[in-house]
Amino acid sequence: MKRILLLAVIAIIFISFKAAHSDISITRQYITRLIKIQNVNAFPEIVLIQYVGPQFGNKTFQGIVKQDSSLQRSSSRSLSYLLWCKKSYVDSLGTSQLPISEFIDCKKNPLDSSCSQSIHLLYSKFNIGDSVAFTNTNLFREELFYSLYWNNRKTISLYLSKRILHFFNGPTTSQTFLPPSDGSNQLLPTSKTSLDK
């Protein structure tokens, strides 16, 4: 008897919720995501490198990241990595000769201590392609600006410093963030403004 009563209550709640929200149209929408590193020039002693690894037969990409240029876009099946090396190391080998794929393969095994000490992993396994959102918003593009900084462990880290959202009908919005004070990746919003298109 209790089970029947419980099932009846759940059914009534579900039907009521569906009826109350039937006027909201949820659609599948592609949102373009652009990622840029803002302050690469503030670190002249290092070279920032993006590596897009092969996934399911996709090609690899390896290139130097320039300030305020969008990172190489990748498919949803490819994984992108950000790495850094001392400029002197890159100059001695040349960009195309850097053993990035070997380094990433080595890092997949946490017990392997033979990984290159000249290459440093900054950020791994992120997607820079379009994202799919099931939403009723008119957002069509998201720009994410990251900045480099020295964290408490005396290594270089990234933090989200600015986010700009572009809408089909409506103002473009911008939000800025301060670097984390404790070396973590915590986001600290400082302002939110509306920009003219």
Foldseek 3Di string as FASTA:
>chain_A
DVVVVVVVVVVVVVVVVCVVCVVQAWDKAWAAEWEFEAPPVVCVQKWKKKWKDDFPPDDIDIDTHDHPDTDDADDPRIKMWIKMFGPVVCVVQPRVRDPVVVLVVQVVDVVRPPHDPRMGTADIGDHNGIDIDGGRFQWHYKYWYKYWDQAPVRDIYIETAKMWIDGPPDFIKMWGFDDDNHRDRDTHTDDIDTDHD
